[in-house]
N, C-alpha and C. Protein backbone atom coordinates (compact mmCIF):
# COMPACT_ATOMS: atom_id res chain seq x y z
N MET A 1 15.14 0.21 -13.16
CA MET A 1 14.00 0.22 -14.07
C MET A 1 12.80 -0.49 -13.44
N GLY A 2 13.02 -1.64 -12.79
CA GLY A 2 11.93 -2.40 -12.20
C GLY A 2 11.26 -1.66 -11.05
N LYS A 3 12.05 -1.01 -10.22
CA LYS A 3 11.49 -0.26 -9.09
C LYS A 3 10.67 0.92 -9.59
N ASN A 4 11.15 1.58 -10.63
CA ASN A 4 10.44 2.73 -11.17
C ASN A 4 9.09 2.30 -11.75
N LEU A 5 9.05 1.18 -12.44
CA LEU A 5 7.81 0.66 -13.01
C LEU A 5 6.84 0.27 -11.90
N TYR A 6 7.36 -0.34 -10.85
CA TYR A 6 6.53 -0.70 -9.70
C TYR A 6 5.95 0.55 -9.06
N TYR A 7 6.77 1.57 -8.89
CA TYR A 7 6.32 2.82 -8.29
C TYR A 7 5.23 3.47 -9.14
N GLU A 8 5.42 3.48 -10.45
CA GLU A 8 4.42 4.07 -11.35
C GLU A 8 3.10 3.31 -11.28
N ALA A 9 3.16 1.99 -11.19
CA ALA A 9 1.94 1.19 -11.08
C ALA A 9 1.25 1.46 -9.75
N LEU A 10 2.02 1.60 -8.68
CA LEU A 10 1.45 1.89 -7.37
C LEU A 10 0.77 3.26 -7.35
N VAL A 11 1.40 4.24 -7.95
CA VAL A 11 0.83 5.58 -8.02
C VAL A 11 -0.46 5.56 -8.85
N ALA A 12 -0.46 4.81 -9.95
CA ALA A 12 -1.66 4.72 -10.79
C ALA A 12 -2.78 4.03 -10.03
N LEU A 13 -2.46 3.00 -9.25
CA LEU A 13 -3.46 2.31 -8.46
C LEU A 13 -4.05 3.23 -7.40
N GLN A 14 -3.19 3.96 -6.71
CA GLN A 14 -3.66 4.90 -5.70
C GLN A 14 -4.51 5.99 -6.33
N ASP A 15 -4.11 6.46 -7.48
CA ASP A 15 -4.88 7.49 -8.17
C ASP A 15 -6.26 6.95 -8.54
N GLY A 16 -6.30 5.71 -8.99
CA GLY A 16 -7.59 5.09 -9.33
C GLY A 16 -8.47 4.92 -8.10
N LEU A 17 -7.87 4.56 -6.96
CA LEU A 17 -8.65 4.41 -5.74
C LEU A 17 -9.20 5.74 -5.27
N TYR A 18 -8.42 6.78 -5.39
CA TYR A 18 -8.92 8.09 -4.97
C TYR A 18 -10.08 8.54 -5.85
N ARG A 19 -9.99 8.26 -7.15
CA ARG A 19 -11.10 8.61 -8.03
C ARG A 19 -12.32 7.75 -7.70
N THR A 20 -12.11 6.50 -7.35
CA THR A 20 -13.22 5.64 -6.98
C THR A 20 -13.90 6.16 -5.72
N LYS A 21 -13.12 6.60 -4.76
CA LYS A 21 -13.69 7.09 -3.51
C LYS A 21 -14.53 8.34 -3.74
N SER A 22 -14.19 9.12 -4.74
CA SER A 22 -14.96 10.33 -4.97
C SER A 22 -16.29 10.01 -5.65
N VAL A 23 -16.37 8.88 -6.35
CA VAL A 23 -17.60 8.50 -7.03
C VAL A 23 -18.47 7.61 -6.15
N VAL A 24 -17.83 6.71 -5.44
CA VAL A 24 -18.53 5.73 -4.62
C VAL A 24 -18.24 6.03 -3.15
N SER A 25 -19.20 5.77 -2.32
CA SER A 25 -19.06 5.98 -0.88
C SER A 25 -17.92 5.11 -0.33
N PRO A 26 -17.14 5.61 0.63
CA PRO A 26 -16.02 4.82 1.17
C PRO A 26 -16.43 3.48 1.77
N TRP A 27 -17.60 3.39 2.39
CA TRP A 27 -18.00 2.12 2.99
C TRP A 27 -18.30 1.09 1.91
N VAL A 28 -18.76 1.54 0.73
CA VAL A 28 -19.02 0.62 -0.37
C VAL A 28 -17.71 0.03 -0.88
N VAL A 29 -16.70 0.88 -0.99
CA VAL A 29 -15.39 0.41 -1.44
C VAL A 29 -14.82 -0.58 -0.44
N GLN A 30 -14.92 -0.28 0.84
CA GLN A 30 -14.38 -1.18 1.87
C GLN A 30 -15.14 -2.50 1.89
N PHE A 31 -16.47 -2.45 1.81
CA PHE A 31 -17.28 -3.67 1.78
C PHE A 31 -16.93 -4.51 0.57
N SER A 32 -16.78 -3.88 -0.58
CA SER A 32 -16.45 -4.62 -1.81
C SER A 32 -15.09 -5.28 -1.69
N PHE A 33 -14.13 -4.58 -1.13
CA PHE A 33 -12.80 -5.15 -0.96
C PHE A 33 -12.83 -6.34 0.00
N LYS A 34 -13.55 -6.23 1.08
CA LYS A 34 -13.64 -7.34 2.04
C LYS A 34 -14.35 -8.54 1.43
N LEU A 35 -15.41 -8.29 0.66
CA LEU A 35 -16.11 -9.39 -0.01
C LEU A 35 -15.20 -10.07 -1.02
N TYR A 36 -14.47 -9.28 -1.80
CA TYR A 36 -13.54 -9.84 -2.76
C TYR A 36 -12.45 -10.65 -2.05
N SER A 37 -11.94 -10.14 -0.94
CA SER A 37 -10.91 -10.87 -0.18
C SER A 37 -11.44 -12.20 0.34
N LEU A 38 -12.68 -12.18 0.83
CA LEU A 38 -13.30 -13.41 1.32
C LEU A 38 -13.45 -14.42 0.19
N MET A 39 -13.90 -13.96 -0.96
CA MET A 39 -14.08 -14.87 -2.09
C MET A 39 -12.74 -15.42 -2.58
N LEU A 40 -11.73 -14.57 -2.64
CA LEU A 40 -10.41 -15.02 -3.08
C LEU A 40 -9.82 -16.03 -2.11
N THR A 41 -9.94 -15.77 -0.82
CA THR A 41 -9.44 -16.70 0.19
C THR A 41 -10.16 -18.05 0.09
N SER A 42 -11.47 -18.01 -0.06
CA SER A 42 -12.25 -19.24 -0.20
C SER A 42 -11.82 -20.02 -1.44
N GLU A 43 -11.57 -19.31 -2.52
CA GLU A 43 -11.15 -19.98 -3.76
C GLU A 43 -9.79 -20.64 -3.60
N ILE A 44 -8.87 -19.98 -2.93
CA ILE A 44 -7.54 -20.56 -2.72
C ILE A 44 -7.64 -21.80 -1.84
N ILE A 45 -8.42 -21.73 -0.77
CA ILE A 45 -8.60 -22.90 0.10
C ILE A 45 -9.27 -24.03 -0.67
N ALA A 46 -10.24 -23.71 -1.50
CA ALA A 46 -10.92 -24.74 -2.28
C ALA A 46 -9.97 -25.44 -3.25
N ILE A 47 -9.13 -24.67 -3.90
CA ILE A 47 -8.17 -25.27 -4.84
C ILE A 47 -7.18 -26.16 -4.12
N LEU A 48 -6.70 -25.70 -2.97
CA LEU A 48 -5.76 -26.53 -2.20
C LEU A 48 -6.42 -27.82 -1.70
N ALA A 49 -7.67 -27.71 -1.24
CA ALA A 49 -8.39 -28.92 -0.79
C ALA A 49 -8.62 -29.87 -1.95
N MET A 50 -8.90 -29.32 -3.11
CA MET A 50 -9.12 -30.15 -4.29
C MET A 50 -7.84 -30.89 -4.68
N ILE A 51 -6.73 -30.20 -4.61
CA ILE A 51 -5.46 -30.83 -5.00
C ILE A 51 -5.02 -31.87 -3.97
N TRP A 52 -5.11 -31.52 -2.67
CA TRP A 52 -4.60 -32.42 -1.63
C TRP A 52 -5.51 -33.61 -1.36
N PHE A 53 -6.83 -33.42 -1.41
CA PHE A 53 -7.74 -34.49 -1.01
C PHE A 53 -8.48 -35.07 -2.21
N ARG A 54 -9.53 -34.42 -2.61
CA ARG A 54 -10.30 -34.87 -3.78
C ARG A 54 -11.06 -33.67 -4.33
N PRO A 55 -11.56 -33.75 -5.54
CA PRO A 55 -12.19 -32.58 -6.16
C PRO A 55 -13.35 -31.97 -5.37
N ARG A 56 -14.14 -32.75 -4.69
CA ARG A 56 -15.30 -32.19 -3.97
C ARG A 56 -15.05 -32.04 -2.47
N ALA A 57 -13.81 -32.05 -2.05
CA ALA A 57 -13.49 -31.93 -0.63
C ALA A 57 -13.96 -30.59 -0.06
N TRP A 58 -13.91 -29.55 -0.85
CA TRP A 58 -14.31 -28.23 -0.37
C TRP A 58 -15.78 -28.20 0.01
N CYS A 59 -16.59 -29.00 -0.63
CA CYS A 59 -18.04 -28.98 -0.39
C CYS A 59 -18.39 -29.38 1.05
N THR A 60 -17.51 -30.13 1.71
CA THR A 60 -17.83 -30.58 3.07
C THR A 60 -17.74 -29.47 4.10
N PHE A 61 -16.94 -28.43 3.85
CA PHE A 61 -16.84 -27.34 4.82
C PHE A 61 -17.02 -25.96 4.21
N CYS A 62 -17.58 -25.91 3.02
CA CYS A 62 -17.88 -24.63 2.36
C CYS A 62 -18.95 -23.88 3.14
N PRO A 63 -18.82 -22.57 3.34
CA PRO A 63 -19.84 -21.83 4.10
C PRO A 63 -21.24 -21.93 3.49
N MET A 64 -21.35 -21.89 2.19
CA MET A 64 -22.66 -22.00 1.55
C MET A 64 -23.24 -23.40 1.72
N GLY A 65 -22.39 -24.41 1.63
CA GLY A 65 -22.86 -25.77 1.83
C GLY A 65 -23.33 -26.01 3.25
N THR A 66 -22.60 -25.45 4.20
CA THR A 66 -22.99 -25.57 5.61
C THR A 66 -24.31 -24.87 5.86
N LEU A 67 -24.48 -23.68 5.30
CA LEU A 67 -25.72 -22.94 5.46
C LEU A 67 -26.88 -23.68 4.80
N THR A 68 -26.67 -24.19 3.62
CA THR A 68 -27.71 -24.95 2.92
C THR A 68 -28.10 -26.20 3.70
N GLN A 69 -27.11 -26.90 4.23
CA GLN A 69 -27.39 -28.10 5.02
C GLN A 69 -28.21 -27.75 6.26
N GLY A 70 -27.87 -26.65 6.91
CA GLY A 70 -28.63 -26.22 8.09
C GLY A 70 -30.07 -25.87 7.74
N ILE A 71 -30.28 -25.20 6.62
CA ILE A 71 -31.64 -24.85 6.19
C ILE A 71 -32.43 -26.11 5.87
N CYS A 72 -31.80 -27.05 5.19
CA CYS A 72 -32.50 -28.31 4.85
C CYS A 72 -32.86 -29.08 6.12
N LYS A 73 -31.96 -29.14 7.07
CA LYS A 73 -32.28 -29.84 8.33
C LYS A 73 -33.43 -29.14 9.06
N PHE A 74 -33.42 -27.81 9.04
CA PHE A 74 -34.48 -27.06 9.71
C PHE A 74 -35.82 -27.28 9.03
N ARG A 75 -35.85 -27.31 7.73
CA ARG A 75 -37.09 -27.48 6.98
C ARG A 75 -37.64 -28.91 7.07
N ASN A 76 -36.75 -29.88 7.19
CA ASN A 76 -37.17 -31.29 7.19
C ASN A 76 -37.25 -31.90 8.58
N ARG A 77 -37.16 -31.09 9.61
CA ARG A 77 -37.23 -31.64 10.96
C ARG A 77 -38.64 -32.07 11.27
N LYS A 78 -38.74 -33.04 12.13
CA LYS A 78 -40.05 -33.55 12.53
C LYS A 78 -40.51 -32.78 13.75
N GLY A 79 -41.75 -32.36 13.74
CA GLY A 79 -42.19 -31.65 14.92
C GLY A 79 -43.46 -30.94 14.78
């Protein structure tokens, strides 16, 4: 029973992806999936850093924080 339910869910997912591909360009689907994967991975790393170290530990190596810090240093440089 469990395998059959899993198979039906997989077929439904594949059917949904095929319908999505016909409506949306394939590169949009691939880009969206990669962006979602990146966000999910970042969230998992952030939660683990929060649990193991401290709540704001993720902020020290977050890609957005690093980019923001670089922009601030560039804007506030003397010269």
